[in-house]
Amino acid sequence: MRSASMVTSLKVWIPPGMNDALDEVAAAAPATRMAKHSLVIAGHRTSISLEDAFWSGLKRIAAKERRALANLVAEIDATRGDANLSSAIRVFVLERLSGG
């Protein structure tokens, strides 16, 4: 159990020149906390667990592209091959926010 005196904020150094959106995602606190979301993909309800930083990045991408989050995840799901969906989403977010 964590004590009440634990640190509640974290400062992260990010090398200059990184994509602004990636900077915001990487600096998000608590970026490593896991969150589970339920989405309907291809007519089936599924739960996906990702760190808050990746949910934040995925939502930013969906908003920028004016797409529903479920539609974006469905596209990732359709192109992921043998990869785990959560892993495929993480790679997608990192590639997209780093300019890839």
C-alpha atoms as a PDB file:
ATOM      1  CA  MET A   1       0.000   0.000   0.000  1.00  0.00           C
ATOM      2  CA  ARG A   2       1.276   3.463  -0.845  1.00  0.00           C
ATOM      3  CA  SER A   3       1.436   6.111   1.819  1.00  0.00           C
ATOM      4  CA  ALA A   4      -0.481   9.377   1.663  1.00  0.00           C
ATOM      5  CA  SER A   5       2.817  11.239   1.330  1.00  0.00           C
ATOM      6  CA  MET A   6       3.684   9.734  -2.057  1.00  0.00           C
ATOM      7  CA  VAL A   7       4.700  12.048  -4.891  1.00  0.00           C
ATOM      8  CA  THR A   8       1.640  13.154  -6.866  1.00  0.00           C
ATOM      9  CA  SER A   9       3.381  14.792  -9.790  1.00  0.00           C
ATOM     10  CA  LEU A  10       6.248  13.802 -12.005  1.00  0.00           C
ATOM     11  CA  LYS A  11       8.412  15.947 -14.228  1.00  0.00           C
ATOM     12  CA  VAL A  12       9.737  14.247 -17.328  1.00  0.00           C
ATOM     13  CA  TRP A  13      12.625  15.527 -19.436  1.00  0.00           C
ATOM     14  CA  ILE A  14      11.928  15.133 -23.144  1.00  0.00           C
ATOM     15  CA  PRO A  15      14.645  15.735 -25.720  1.00  0.00           C
ATOM     16  CA  PRO A  16      14.153  18.861 -27.814  1.00  0.00           C
ATOM     17  CA  GLY A  17      12.703  18.455 -31.285  1.00  0.00           C
ATOM     18  CA  MET A  18      10.152  15.766 -30.492  1.00  0.00           C
ATOM     19  CA  ASN A  19       6.671  16.107 -31.902  1.00  0.00           C
ATOM     20  CA  ASP A  20       4.532  18.389 -29.662  1.00  0.00           C
ATOM     21  CA  ALA A  21       1.755  15.832 -29.420  1.00  0.00           C
ATOM     22  CA  LEU A  22       4.218  13.144 -28.370  1.00  0.00           C
ATOM     23  CA  ASP A  23       5.643  15.542 -25.776  1.00  0.00           C
ATOM     24  CA  GLU A  24       2.195  15.983 -24.244  1.00  0.00           C
ATOM     25  CA  VAL A  25       1.490  12.249 -24.213  1.00  0.00           C
ATOM     26  CA  ALA A  26       4.884  11.413 -22.692  1.00  0.00           C
ATOM     27  CA  ALA A  27       4.492  14.111 -20.023  1.00  0.00           C
ATOM     28  CA  ALA A  28       0.977  13.018 -19.031  1.00  0.00           C
ATOM     29  CA  ALA A  29       0.678  11.991 -15.396  1.00  0.00           C
ATOM     30  CA  PRO A  30       0.047   9.317 -14.354  1.00  0.00           C
ATOM     31  CA  ALA A  31       1.006   8.046 -17.789  1.00  0.00           C
ATOM     32  CA  THR A  32       1.599   4.468 -16.682  1.00  0.00           C
ATOM     33  CA  ARG A  33      -1.754   3.916 -14.962  1.00  0.00           C
ATOM     34  CA  MET A  34      -3.741   1.237 -16.792  1.00  0.00           C
ATOM     35  CA  ALA A  35      -7.289   1.964 -17.904  1.00  0.00           C
ATOM     36  CA  LYS A  36      -9.772  -0.424 -19.473  1.00  0.00           C
ATOM     37  CA  HIS A  37     -12.266   0.776 -22.090  1.00  0.00           C
ATOM     38  CA  SER A  38     -15.028  -1.185 -23.793  1.00  0.00           C
ATOM     39  CA  LEU A  39     -15.603  -0.616 -27.498  1.00  0.00           C
ATOM     40  CA  VAL A  40     -17.702  -2.250 -30.189  1.00  0.00           C
ATOM     41  CA  ILE A  41     -15.454  -3.472 -33.006  1.00  0.00           C
ATOM     42  CA  ALA A  42     -16.902  -5.302 -36.019  1.00  0.00           C
ATOM     43  CA  GLY A  43     -20.158  -5.765 -34.120  1.00  0.00           C
ATOM     44  CA  HIS A  44     -18.506  -7.305 -31.045  1.00  0.00           C
ATOM     45  CA  ARG A  45     -17.985  -5.641 -27.686  1.00  0.00           C
ATOM     46  CA  THR A  46     -14.362  -5.872 -26.556  1.00  0.00           C
ATOM     47  CA  SER A  47     -12.396  -4.482 -23.621  1.00  0.00           C
ATOM     48  CA  ILE A  48      -8.971  -2.991 -24.185  1.00  0.00           C
ATOM     49  CA  SER A  49      -6.455  -2.194 -21.441  1.00  0.00           C
ATOM     50  CA  LEU A  50      -3.914   0.531 -22.177  1.00  0.00           C
ATOM     51  CA  GLU A  51      -1.861   2.993 -20.187  1.00  0.00           C
ATOM     52  CA  ASP A  52      -3.456   6.434 -19.828  1.00  0.00           C
ATOM     53  CA  ALA A  53      -0.792   7.989 -22.057  1.00  0.00           C
ATOM     54  CA  PHE A  54      -1.768   5.712 -24.945  1.00  0.00           C
ATOM     55  CA  TRP A  55      -5.510   6.337 -24.465  1.00  0.00           C
ATOM     56  CA  SER A  56      -4.778  10.057 -24.487  1.00  0.00           C
ATOM     57  CA  GLY A  57      -2.715   9.775 -27.660  1.00  0.00           C
ATOM     58  CA  LEU A  58      -5.304   7.595 -29.383  1.00  0.00           C
ATOM     59  CA  LYS A  59      -8.087  10.056 -28.523  1.00  0.00           C
ATOM     60  CA  ARG A  60      -5.984  12.967 -29.844  1.00  0.00           C
ATOM     61  CA  ILE A  61      -5.436  11.142 -33.138  1.00  0.00           C
ATOM     62  CA  ALA A  62      -9.153  10.306 -33.469  1.00  0.00           C
ATOM     63  CA  ALA A  63     -10.123  13.922 -32.721  1.00  0.00           C
ATOM     64  CA  LYS A  64      -7.565  15.311 -35.171  1.00  0.00           C
ATOM     65  CA  GLU A  65      -8.882  12.994 -37.886  1.00  0.00           C
ATOM     66  CA  ARG A  66     -12.506  13.678 -36.851  1.00  0.00           C
ATOM     67  CA  ARG A  67     -13.155   9.970 -36.422  1.00  0.00           C
ATOM     68  CA  ALA A  68     -14.921   7.969 -33.767  1.00  0.00           C
ATOM     69  CA  LEU A  69     -12.510   6.203 -31.445  1.00  0.00           C
ATOM     70  CA  ALA A  70     -14.171   2.846 -32.156  1.00  0.00           C
ATOM     71  CA  ASN A  71     -13.700   3.328 -35.921  1.00  0.00           C
ATOM     72  CA  LEU A  72     -10.014   4.100 -35.481  1.00  0.00           C
ATOM     73  CA  VAL A  73      -9.525   1.039 -33.258  1.00  0.00           C
ATOM     74  CA  ALA A  74     -11.438  -1.093 -35.781  1.00  0.00           C
ATOM     75  CA  GLU A  75      -8.995   0.004 -38.496  1.00  0.00           C
ATOM     76  CA  ILE A  76      -6.021  -0.884 -36.278  1.00  0.00           C
ATOM     77  CA  ASP A  77      -7.664  -4.229 -35.486  1.00  0.00           C
ATOM     78  CA  ALA A  78      -8.186  -5.019 -39.177  1.00  0.00           C
ATOM     79  CA  THR A  79      -4.522  -4.376 -40.024  1.00  0.00           C
ATOM     80  CA  ARG A  80      -2.745  -5.786 -36.955  1.00  0.00           C
ATOM     81  CA  GLY A  81      -2.003  -9.270 -38.250  1.00  0.00           C
ATOM     82  CA  ASP A  82      -0.962 -11.604 -35.428  1.00  0.00           C
ATOM     83  CA  ALA A  83      -0.201  -8.802 -32.948  1.00  0.00           C
ATOM     84  CA  ASN A  84      -2.151  -8.375 -29.730  1.00  0.00           C
ATOM     85  CA  LEU A  85      -4.679  -5.514 -30.170  1.00  0.00           C
ATOM     86  CA  SER A  86      -3.346  -3.505 -27.208  1.00  0.00           C
ATOM     87  CA  SER A  87       0.204  -3.814 -28.553  1.00  0.00           C
ATOM     88  CA  ALA A  88      -0.925  -2.849 -32.060  1.00  0.00           C
ATOM     89  CA  ILE A  89      -2.615   0.259 -30.647  1.00  0.00           C
ATOM     90  CA  ARG A  90       0.535   1.258 -28.741  1.00  0.00           C
ATOM     91  CA  VAL A  91       2.669   0.917 -31.880  1.00  0.00           C
ATOM     92  CA  PHE A  92       0.089   2.849 -33.930  1.00  0.00           C
ATOM     93  CA  VAL A  93       0.033   5.728 -31.418  1.00  0.00           C
ATOM     94  CA  LEU A  94       3.831   5.917 -31.177  1.00  0.00           C
ATOM     95  CA  GLU A  95       4.260   5.836 -34.958  1.00  0.00           C
ATOM     96  CA  ARG A  96       1.527   8.386 -35.629  1.00  0.00           C
ATOM     97  CA  LEU A  97       2.570  10.859 -32.932  1.00  0.00           C
ATOM     98  CA  SER A  98       6.245  10.642 -33.814  1.00  0.00           C
ATOM     99  CA  GLY A  99       5.468  11.566 -37.403  1.00  0.00           C
ATOM    100  CA  GLY A 100       5.655   8.030 -38.802  1.00  0.00           C
END
